Amino acid sequence: MTLTEILVAVVILALLLGIAFPAYRGLQSRARATQCMAHLRQIGASLNLYAGDHGLRFPTMVAIREDKNDDQPALDTVLAPYVNEGDQSFCCPGDHKGLCEKTGTSYLWNSVLNGQRIGDLNFLGITKNESGIPLVADKENFHPSVGDQVNILYGDGHVDKNLTFTVD
């Protein structure tokens, strides 16, 4: 083998790696977004279990808290007994800002629904269509590679992506 052939082989390998690496990163990001959706489904199941133990009513929790040491009822404290996977269900795998470590969860609760009875939900005038009532959502767009959207758990139990919104 000549030096020219070796250089050509190295250049071809470098090009292939240059093409494959971004594709791998995109695939990895989509996998994190899918795992996030699974966490939201788990939180939805835990909300149903909680409601079953409390007269079919949702818990009363803060939407978000600044620090996980705050003594306020939040997703990770109220629903912890109902989640199989422990604290990891409350942490989005794409949470690169460390919000879960700081606040206890990567997700926010729609506190307008505090104490409301399942089946009689009322959110901004939406009463009959639970598929349009958001329950829990990503705190931020943790999955920018799959679009400018956040994952949201809705009242009927389905999880979908929606346009990005921010909470101040």
N, C-alpha and C. Protein backbone atom coordinates (compact mmCIF):
# COMPACT_ATOMS: atom_id res chain seq x y z
N MET A 1 0.84 -1.17 0.00
CA MET A 1 0.00 0.00 0.00
C MET A 1 0.89 1.24 0.00
N THR A 2 0.53 2.20 -0.82
CA THR A 2 1.33 3.41 -0.90
C THR A 2 0.80 4.45 0.07
N LEU A 3 1.58 5.47 0.29
CA LEU A 3 1.20 6.55 1.18
C LEU A 3 -0.04 7.26 0.65
N THR A 4 -0.19 7.40 -0.64
CA THR A 4 -1.36 8.03 -1.25
C THR A 4 -2.62 7.24 -0.96
N GLU A 5 -2.54 5.92 -1.08
CA GLU A 5 -3.71 5.08 -0.81
C GLU A 5 -4.13 5.17 0.65
N ILE A 6 -3.15 5.22 1.54
CA ILE A 6 -3.45 5.33 2.97
C ILE A 6 -4.12 6.68 3.27
N LEU A 7 -3.61 7.75 2.66
CA LEU A 7 -4.20 9.07 2.86
C LEU A 7 -5.63 9.13 2.32
N VAL A 8 -5.86 8.52 1.17
CA VAL A 8 -7.21 8.48 0.60
C VAL A 8 -8.16 7.72 1.54
N ALA A 9 -7.69 6.60 2.08
CA ALA A 9 -8.52 5.81 3.00
C ALA A 9 -8.84 6.62 4.26
N VAL A 10 -7.86 7.35 4.79
CA VAL A 10 -8.07 8.17 5.99
C VAL A 10 -9.07 9.29 5.70
N VAL A 11 -8.96 9.93 4.53
CA VAL A 11 -9.89 11.00 4.16
C VAL A 11 -11.30 10.45 4.03
N ILE A 12 -11.45 9.29 3.42
CA ILE A 12 -12.78 8.68 3.27
C ILE A 12 -13.37 8.36 4.63
N LEU A 13 -12.56 7.80 5.54
CA LEU A 13 -13.04 7.50 6.89
C LEU A 13 -13.45 8.78 7.63
N ALA A 14 -12.68 9.84 7.48
CA ALA A 14 -13.00 11.11 8.12
C ALA A 14 -14.32 11.67 7.59
N LEU A 15 -14.54 11.56 6.29
CA LEU A 15 -15.81 12.02 5.71
C LEU A 15 -16.98 11.21 6.23
N LEU A 16 -16.82 9.89 6.30
CA LEU A 16 -17.89 9.04 6.82
C LEU A 16 -18.21 9.36 8.28
N LEU A 17 -17.17 9.59 9.07
CA LEU A 17 -17.39 9.96 10.47
C LEU A 17 -18.05 11.33 10.58
N GLY A 18 -17.66 12.25 9.70
CA GLY A 18 -18.26 13.57 9.68
C GLY A 18 -19.74 13.53 9.36
N ILE A 19 -20.16 12.57 8.58
CA ILE A 19 -21.57 12.40 8.24
C ILE A 19 -22.30 11.65 9.34
N ALA A 20 -21.68 10.63 9.89
CA ALA A 20 -22.35 9.75 10.87
C ALA A 20 -22.52 10.41 12.23
N PHE A 21 -21.55 11.21 12.67
CA PHE A 21 -21.62 11.78 14.01
C PHE A 21 -22.84 12.67 14.23
N PRO A 22 -23.16 13.63 13.34
CA PRO A 22 -24.38 14.44 13.54
C PRO A 22 -25.65 13.58 13.51
N ALA A 23 -25.68 12.57 12.67
CA ALA A 23 -26.85 11.69 12.62
C ALA A 23 -27.01 10.96 13.95
N TYR A 24 -25.89 10.52 14.53
CA TYR A 24 -25.93 9.83 15.82
C TYR A 24 -26.43 10.77 16.91
N ARG A 25 -25.94 12.01 16.91
CA ARG A 25 -26.39 12.97 17.93
C ARG A 25 -27.87 13.26 17.80
N GLY A 26 -28.38 13.38 16.58
CA GLY A 26 -29.81 13.61 16.38
C GLY A 26 -30.64 12.43 16.86
N LEU A 27 -30.16 11.23 16.60
CA LEU A 27 -30.85 10.03 17.04
C LEU A 27 -30.85 9.96 18.57
N GLN A 28 -29.75 10.32 19.17
CA GLN A 28 -29.64 10.31 20.62
C GLN A 28 -30.61 11.33 21.24
N SER A 29 -30.73 12.49 20.63
CA SER A 29 -31.65 13.51 21.13
C SER A 29 -33.10 13.08 20.99
N ARG A 30 -33.45 12.44 19.88
CA ARG A 30 -34.82 11.94 19.71
C ARG A 30 -35.13 10.85 20.72
N ALA A 31 -34.14 10.06 21.07
CA ALA A 31 -34.33 9.02 22.09
C ALA A 31 -34.61 9.65 23.46
N ARG A 32 -33.91 10.74 23.79
CA ARG A 32 -34.16 11.43 25.05
C ARG A 32 -35.58 12.03 25.06
N ALA A 33 -36.03 12.56 23.94
CA ALA A 33 -37.38 13.13 23.86
C ALA A 33 -38.43 12.03 24.05
N THR A 34 -38.18 10.87 23.48
CA THR A 34 -39.11 9.74 23.64
C THR A 34 -39.14 9.27 25.09
N GLN A 35 -37.98 9.22 25.73
CA GLN A 35 -37.92 8.81 27.13
C GLN A 35 -38.64 9.84 28.01
N CYS A 36 -38.53 11.10 27.66
CA CYS A 36 -39.24 12.16 28.38
C CYS A 36 -40.75 11.93 28.30
N MET A 37 -41.23 11.58 27.12
CA MET A 37 -42.66 11.30 26.95
C MET A 37 -43.08 10.11 27.81
N ALA A 38 -42.23 9.11 27.93
CA ALA A 38 -42.53 7.96 28.78
C ALA A 38 -42.61 8.39 30.24
N HIS A 39 -41.73 9.32 30.66
CA HIS A 39 -41.79 9.83 32.03
C HIS A 39 -43.11 10.55 32.28
N LEU A 40 -43.56 11.33 31.30
CA LEU A 40 -44.83 12.03 31.46
C LEU A 40 -46.00 11.04 31.54
N ARG A 41 -45.94 9.96 30.78
CA ARG A 41 -46.99 8.93 30.89
C ARG A 41 -46.99 8.31 32.28
N GLN A 42 -45.79 8.07 32.83
CA GLN A 42 -45.67 7.52 34.18
C GLN A 42 -46.26 8.50 35.20
N ILE A 43 -46.00 9.78 35.03
CA ILE A 43 -46.56 10.79 35.92
C ILE A 43 -48.08 10.80 35.78
N GLY A 44 -48.59 10.64 34.56
CA GLY A 44 -50.04 10.57 34.36
C GLY A 44 -50.65 9.38 35.08
N ALA A 45 -49.98 8.24 35.02
CA ALA A 45 -50.48 7.06 35.73
C ALA A 45 -50.46 7.30 37.24
N SER A 46 -49.42 7.96 37.72
CA SER A 46 -49.34 8.24 39.16
C SER A 46 -50.42 9.24 39.58
N LEU A 47 -50.76 10.20 38.71
CA LEU A 47 -51.86 11.11 39.02
C LEU A 47 -53.18 10.35 39.16
N ASN A 48 -53.39 9.37 38.28
CA ASN A 48 -54.61 8.56 38.37
C ASN A 48 -54.64 7.74 39.65
N LEU A 49 -53.51 7.17 40.02
CA LEU A 49 -53.44 6.41 41.27
C LEU A 49 -53.70 7.31 42.47
N TYR A 50 -53.11 8.50 42.46
CA TYR A 50 -53.35 9.46 43.53
C TYR A 50 -54.84 9.79 43.62
N ALA A 51 -55.43 10.10 42.48
CA ALA A 51 -56.85 10.47 42.45
C ALA A 51 -57.72 9.32 42.97
N GLY A 52 -57.35 8.10 42.62
CA GLY A 52 -58.10 6.94 43.11
C GLY A 52 -58.10 6.85 44.62
N ASP A 53 -57.01 7.29 45.24
CA ASP A 53 -56.91 7.26 46.70
C ASP A 53 -57.50 8.50 47.37
N HIS A 54 -57.86 9.51 46.58
CA HIS A 54 -58.31 10.79 47.15
C HIS A 54 -59.61 11.28 46.52
N GLY A 55 -60.58 10.43 46.42
CA GLY A 55 -61.91 10.84 45.96
C GLY A 55 -61.96 11.32 44.54
N LEU A 56 -61.11 10.76 43.67
CA LEU A 56 -61.03 11.11 42.25
C LEU A 56 -60.71 12.59 42.02
N ARG A 57 -59.95 13.16 42.93
CA ARG A 57 -59.53 14.56 42.81
C ARG A 57 -58.02 14.63 42.60
N PHE A 58 -57.62 15.62 41.78
CA PHE A 58 -56.21 15.88 41.58
C PHE A 58 -55.62 16.49 42.86
N PRO A 59 -54.32 16.32 43.05
CA PRO A 59 -53.68 16.92 44.22
C PRO A 59 -53.60 18.44 44.11
N THR A 60 -53.35 19.07 45.23
CA THR A 60 -53.08 20.51 45.26
C THR A 60 -51.57 20.67 45.38
N MET A 61 -50.97 21.20 44.31
CA MET A 61 -49.51 21.34 44.24
C MET A 61 -49.16 22.68 43.63
N VAL A 62 -47.95 23.14 43.89
CA VAL A 62 -47.45 24.34 43.22
C VAL A 62 -47.07 23.96 41.78
N ALA A 63 -47.17 24.92 40.89
CA ALA A 63 -46.79 24.67 39.49
C ALA A 63 -45.31 24.36 39.40
N ILE A 64 -44.50 25.21 39.99
CA ILE A 64 -43.05 25.01 40.05
C ILE A 64 -42.56 25.57 41.38
N ARG A 65 -41.39 25.16 41.78
CA ARG A 65 -40.77 25.75 42.96
C ARG A 65 -39.32 26.08 42.62
N GLU A 66 -38.79 27.00 43.35
CA GLU A 66 -37.44 27.50 43.07
C GLU A 66 -36.35 26.53 43.52
N ASP A 67 -36.63 25.79 44.59
CA ASP A 67 -35.62 24.92 45.17
C ASP A 67 -36.29 23.67 45.71
N LYS A 68 -35.66 22.52 45.54
CA LYS A 68 -36.29 21.28 45.99
C LYS A 68 -36.36 21.18 47.51
N ASN A 69 -35.67 22.04 48.21
CA ASN A 69 -35.74 22.05 49.67
C ASN A 69 -36.89 22.90 50.19
N ASP A 70 -37.60 23.61 49.28
CA ASP A 70 -38.79 24.36 49.69
C ASP A 70 -39.81 23.38 50.24
N ASP A 71 -40.55 23.81 51.22
CA ASP A 71 -41.52 22.94 51.89
C ASP A 71 -42.90 23.08 51.25
N GLN A 72 -42.95 23.05 49.93
CA GLN A 72 -44.21 23.18 49.21
C GLN A 72 -44.54 21.86 48.52
N PRO A 73 -45.81 21.48 48.48
CA PRO A 73 -46.16 20.25 47.77
C PRO A 73 -45.95 20.43 46.27
N ALA A 74 -45.19 19.53 45.65
CA ALA A 74 -44.89 19.60 44.22
C ALA A 74 -44.97 18.20 43.63
N LEU A 75 -44.86 18.11 42.31
CA LEU A 75 -44.96 16.82 41.63
C LEU A 75 -44.12 15.73 42.28
N ASP A 76 -42.84 16.04 42.50
CA ASP A 76 -41.93 15.00 42.98
C ASP A 76 -42.18 14.60 44.42
N THR A 77 -42.80 15.46 45.22
CA THR A 77 -43.07 15.09 46.61
C THR A 77 -44.43 14.43 46.77
N VAL A 78 -45.45 14.98 46.12
CA VAL A 78 -46.81 14.46 46.27
C VAL A 78 -46.98 13.11 45.57
N LEU A 79 -46.39 12.97 44.38
CA LEU A 79 -46.60 11.75 43.59
C LEU A 79 -45.53 10.69 43.78
N ALA A 80 -44.51 10.97 44.55
CA ALA A 80 -43.41 10.00 44.75
C ALA A 80 -43.90 8.62 45.19
N PRO A 81 -44.88 8.51 46.09
CA PRO A 81 -45.33 7.17 46.49
C PRO A 81 -46.03 6.38 45.38
N TYR A 82 -46.41 7.06 44.32
CA TYR A 82 -47.16 6.42 43.24
C TYR A 82 -46.33 6.13 42.00
N VAL A 83 -45.05 6.44 42.05
CA VAL A 83 -44.17 6.26 40.89
C VAL A 83 -43.21 5.11 41.15
N ASN A 84 -43.15 4.18 40.20
CA ASN A 84 -42.28 3.01 40.35
C ASN A 84 -40.81 3.34 40.20
N GLU A 85 -40.48 4.26 39.32
CA GLU A 85 -39.10 4.51 38.97
C GLU A 85 -38.40 5.52 39.87
N GLY A 86 -39.04 5.92 40.95
CA GLY A 86 -38.41 6.86 41.86
C GLY A 86 -38.22 8.23 41.26
N ASP A 87 -37.21 8.93 41.71
CA ASP A 87 -36.98 10.31 41.31
C ASP A 87 -36.72 10.48 39.81
N GLN A 88 -36.25 9.44 39.12
CA GLN A 88 -35.92 9.58 37.71
C GLN A 88 -37.14 9.87 36.84
N SER A 89 -38.32 9.51 37.28
CA SER A 89 -39.53 9.81 36.52
C SER A 89 -39.81 11.30 36.48
N PHE A 90 -39.27 12.04 37.41
CA PHE A 90 -39.51 13.47 37.47
C PHE A 90 -38.40 14.28 36.80
N CYS A 91 -37.42 13.59 36.22
CA CYS A 91 -36.29 14.27 35.56
C CYS A 91 -36.30 13.95 34.07
N CYS A 92 -36.43 14.98 33.26
CA CYS A 92 -36.35 14.81 31.82
C CYS A 92 -34.92 14.46 31.44
N PRO A 93 -34.71 13.42 30.63
CA PRO A 93 -33.35 13.06 30.23
C PRO A 93 -32.64 14.15 29.43
N GLY A 94 -33.39 15.09 28.87
CA GLY A 94 -32.80 16.18 28.11
C GLY A 94 -32.57 17.44 28.95
N ASP A 95 -32.83 17.37 30.24
CA ASP A 95 -32.67 18.53 31.13
C ASP A 95 -31.19 18.84 31.30
N HIS A 96 -30.65 19.62 30.40
CA HIS A 96 -29.23 19.96 30.42
C HIS A 96 -28.93 21.16 31.31
N LYS A 97 -29.95 21.81 31.86
CA LYS A 97 -29.74 22.97 32.71
C LYS A 97 -29.72 22.60 34.19
N GLY A 98 -29.98 21.34 34.52
CA GLY A 98 -29.96 20.91 35.92
C GLY A 98 -31.17 21.36 36.72
N LEU A 99 -32.28 21.64 36.03
CA LEU A 99 -33.49 22.07 36.75
C LEU A 99 -34.00 20.99 37.68
N CYS A 100 -33.89 19.74 37.27
CA CYS A 100 -34.38 18.65 38.11
C CYS A 100 -33.57 18.57 39.41
N GLU A 101 -32.27 18.69 39.31
CA GLU A 101 -31.44 18.63 40.51
C GLU A 101 -31.72 19.81 41.44
N LYS A 102 -32.01 20.98 40.85
CA LYS A 102 -32.23 22.18 41.65
C LYS A 102 -33.64 22.22 42.25
N THR A 103 -34.65 21.88 41.43
CA THR A 103 -36.04 22.07 41.86
C THR A 103 -36.76 20.77 42.21
N GLY A 104 -36.16 19.63 41.89
CA GLY A 104 -36.79 18.35 42.20
C GLY A 104 -37.50 17.73 41.02
N THR A 105 -37.76 18.51 39.97
CA THR A 105 -38.43 17.98 38.79
C THR A 105 -38.13 18.86 37.57
N SER A 106 -38.18 18.24 36.40
CA SER A 106 -38.00 18.96 35.14
C SER A 106 -39.35 19.38 34.56
N TYR A 107 -40.43 19.05 35.25
CA TYR A 107 -41.77 19.26 34.72
C TYR A 107 -42.55 20.25 35.58
N LEU A 108 -43.55 20.88 34.96
CA LEU A 108 -44.41 21.78 35.71
C LEU A 108 -45.84 21.26 35.70
N TRP A 109 -46.53 21.55 36.77
CA TRP A 109 -47.91 21.12 36.99
C TRP A 109 -48.85 22.28 36.68
N ASN A 110 -49.97 22.00 36.03
CA ASN A 110 -50.98 22.99 35.74
C ASN A 110 -51.79 23.20 37.02
N SER A 111 -51.36 24.15 37.83
CA SER A 111 -51.96 24.34 39.15
C SER A 111 -53.40 24.86 39.10
N VAL A 112 -53.89 25.25 37.93
CA VAL A 112 -55.30 25.62 37.79
C VAL A 112 -56.20 24.41 38.10
N LEU A 113 -55.64 23.22 37.93
CA LEU A 113 -56.41 21.99 38.15
C LEU A 113 -56.34 21.50 39.59
N ASN A 114 -55.70 22.23 40.48
CA ASN A 114 -55.58 21.82 41.87
C ASN A 114 -56.93 21.46 42.48
N GLY A 115 -57.03 20.25 43.01
CA GLY A 115 -58.23 19.81 43.70
C GLY A 115 -59.42 19.50 42.82
N GLN A 116 -59.29 19.68 41.51
CA GLN A 116 -60.43 19.41 40.64
C GLN A 116 -60.68 17.91 40.53
N ARG A 117 -61.92 17.58 40.31
CA ARG A 117 -62.34 16.19 40.20
C ARG A 117 -62.11 15.70 38.77
N ILE A 118 -61.52 14.51 38.66
CA ILE A 118 -61.32 13.90 37.34
C ILE A 118 -62.69 13.68 36.70
N GLY A 119 -62.83 14.03 35.46
CA GLY A 119 -64.10 13.90 34.76
C GLY A 119 -64.89 15.20 34.75
N ASP A 120 -64.55 16.12 35.67
CA ASP A 120 -65.22 17.43 35.74
C ASP A 120 -64.19 18.56 35.64
N LEU A 121 -63.14 18.35 34.86
CA LEU A 121 -62.08 19.34 34.77
C LEU A 121 -62.57 20.60 34.06
N ASN A 122 -62.05 21.73 34.50
CA ASN A 122 -62.36 23.01 33.88
C ASN A 122 -61.07 23.80 33.76
N PHE A 123 -60.66 24.06 32.53
CA PHE A 123 -59.45 24.82 32.28
C PHE A 123 -59.72 25.83 31.18
N LEU A 124 -59.74 27.09 31.54
CA LEU A 124 -59.97 28.18 30.58
C LEU A 124 -61.20 27.94 29.72
N GLY A 125 -62.24 27.44 30.33
CA GLY A 125 -63.48 27.19 29.62
C GLY A 125 -63.57 25.84 28.94
N ILE A 126 -62.46 25.10 28.88
CA ILE A 126 -62.50 23.75 28.31
C ILE A 126 -63.01 22.81 29.41
N THR A 127 -64.18 22.21 29.18
CA THR A 127 -64.75 21.34 30.20
C THR A 127 -65.06 19.95 29.68
N LYS A 128 -65.41 19.82 28.46
CA LYS A 128 -65.84 18.53 27.92
C LYS A 128 -64.73 17.74 27.24
N ASN A 129 -63.71 18.42 26.74
CA ASN A 129 -62.67 17.79 25.95
C ASN A 129 -61.37 17.71 26.74
N GLU A 130 -61.21 16.63 27.52
CA GLU A 130 -60.01 16.48 28.35
C GLU A 130 -58.74 16.33 27.52
N SER A 131 -58.88 15.98 26.23
CA SER A 131 -57.69 15.85 25.40
C SER A 131 -57.05 17.20 25.13
N GLY A 132 -57.75 18.30 25.43
CA GLY A 132 -57.21 19.63 25.23
C GLY A 132 -56.74 20.29 26.51
N ILE A 133 -56.82 19.59 27.64
CA ILE A 133 -56.44 20.18 28.92
C ILE A 133 -55.05 19.70 29.32
N PRO A 134 -54.05 20.59 29.35
CA PRO A 134 -52.70 20.18 29.74
C PRO A 134 -52.61 19.97 31.25
N LEU A 135 -51.96 18.87 31.65
CA LEU A 135 -51.77 18.59 33.07
C LEU A 135 -50.33 18.90 33.50
N VAL A 136 -49.37 18.31 32.79
CA VAL A 136 -47.96 18.42 33.14
C VAL A 136 -47.18 18.64 31.85
N ALA A 137 -46.13 19.48 31.92
CA ALA A 137 -45.34 19.78 30.73
C ALA A 137 -43.87 19.97 31.11
N ASP A 138 -43.00 19.87 30.10
CA ASP A 138 -41.59 20.23 30.29
C ASP A 138 -41.53 21.67 30.77
N LYS A 139 -40.59 21.97 31.66
CA LYS A 139 -40.42 23.35 32.10
C LYS A 139 -39.85 24.22 30.99
N GLU A 140 -39.04 23.62 30.13
CA GLU A 140 -38.42 24.34 29.02
C GLU A 140 -38.34 23.42 27.82
N ASN A 141 -37.89 23.96 26.70
CA ASN A 141 -37.67 23.14 25.51
C ASN A 141 -36.36 22.39 25.68
N PHE A 142 -36.44 21.20 26.27
CA PHE A 142 -35.25 20.38 26.49
C PHE A 142 -34.84 19.60 25.25
N HIS A 143 -35.66 19.63 24.20
CA HIS A 143 -35.43 18.81 23.01
C HIS A 143 -35.40 19.65 21.75
N PRO A 144 -34.47 20.60 21.64
CA PRO A 144 -34.47 21.49 20.48
C PRO A 144 -34.21 20.79 19.16
N SER A 145 -33.55 19.64 19.18
CA SER A 145 -33.24 18.97 17.92
C SER A 145 -34.48 18.32 17.29
N VAL A 146 -35.56 18.19 18.06
CA VAL A 146 -36.79 17.62 17.49
C VAL A 146 -37.84 18.71 17.27
N GLY A 147 -37.42 19.96 17.32
CA GLY A 147 -38.32 21.06 17.03
C GLY A 147 -38.44 22.01 18.20
N ASP A 148 -39.08 23.10 17.96
CA ASP A 148 -39.25 24.14 18.96
C ASP A 148 -40.52 23.86 19.76
N GLN A 149 -40.50 22.74 20.49
CA GLN A 149 -41.69 22.29 21.18
C GLN A 149 -41.34 21.71 22.55
N VAL A 150 -42.36 21.58 23.39
CA VAL A 150 -42.22 20.90 24.69
C VAL A 150 -43.19 19.72 24.71
N ASN A 151 -42.87 18.73 25.52
CA ASN A 151 -43.76 17.58 25.70
C ASN A 151 -44.80 17.93 26.76
N ILE A 152 -46.05 17.54 26.50
CA ILE A 152 -47.15 17.86 27.41
C ILE A 152 -48.00 16.62 27.64
N LEU A 153 -48.35 16.36 28.90
CA LEU A 153 -49.32 15.33 29.28
C LEU A 153 -50.69 15.98 29.37
N TYR A 154 -51.67 15.42 28.68
CA TYR A 154 -53.02 15.98 28.66
C TYR A 154 -53.97 15.18 29.56
N GLY A 155 -55.12 15.77 29.81
CA GLY A 155 -56.11 15.19 30.72
C GLY A 155 -56.61 13.82 30.35
N ASP A 156 -56.58 13.48 29.08
CA ASP A 156 -57.04 12.15 28.68
C ASP A 156 -55.92 11.12 28.73
N GLY A 157 -54.72 11.53 29.15
CA GLY A 157 -53.60 10.60 29.31
C GLY A 157 -52.62 10.56 28.16
N HIS A 158 -52.92 11.23 27.06
CA HIS A 158 -51.98 11.19 25.94
C HIS A 158 -50.89 12.25 26.13
N VAL A 159 -49.74 11.98 25.56
CA VAL A 159 -48.60 12.90 25.62
C VAL A 159 -48.28 13.31 24.19
N ASP A 160 -48.07 14.61 24.00
CA ASP A 160 -47.78 15.12 22.66
C ASP A 160 -46.84 16.31 22.80
N LYS A 161 -46.34 16.78 21.66
CA LYS A 161 -45.49 17.97 21.62
C LYS A 161 -46.37 19.17 21.27
N ASN A 162 -46.02 20.31 21.83
CA ASN A 162 -46.73 21.54 21.53
C ASN A 162 -45.72 22.67 21.40
N LEU A 163 -46.18 23.80 20.88
CA LEU A 163 -45.30 24.96 20.72
C LEU A 163 -44.69 25.33 22.05
N THR A 164 -43.48 25.83 21.98
CA THR A 164 -42.75 26.22 23.18
C THR A 164 -43.46 27.36 23.90
N PHE A 165 -43.48 27.25 25.19
CA PHE A 165 -43.93 28.35 26.04
C PHE A 165 -42.95 28.47 27.18
N THR A 166 -42.90 29.63 27.80
CA THR A 166 -41.97 29.83 28.90
C THR A 166 -42.74 30.21 30.15
N VAL A 167 -42.15 29.89 31.28
CA VAL A 167 -42.74 30.25 32.56
C VAL A 167 -41.74 31.16 33.27
N ASP A 168 -42.18 32.35 33.64
CA ASP A 168 -41.29 33.29 34.35
C ASP A 168 -41.47 33.17 35.83
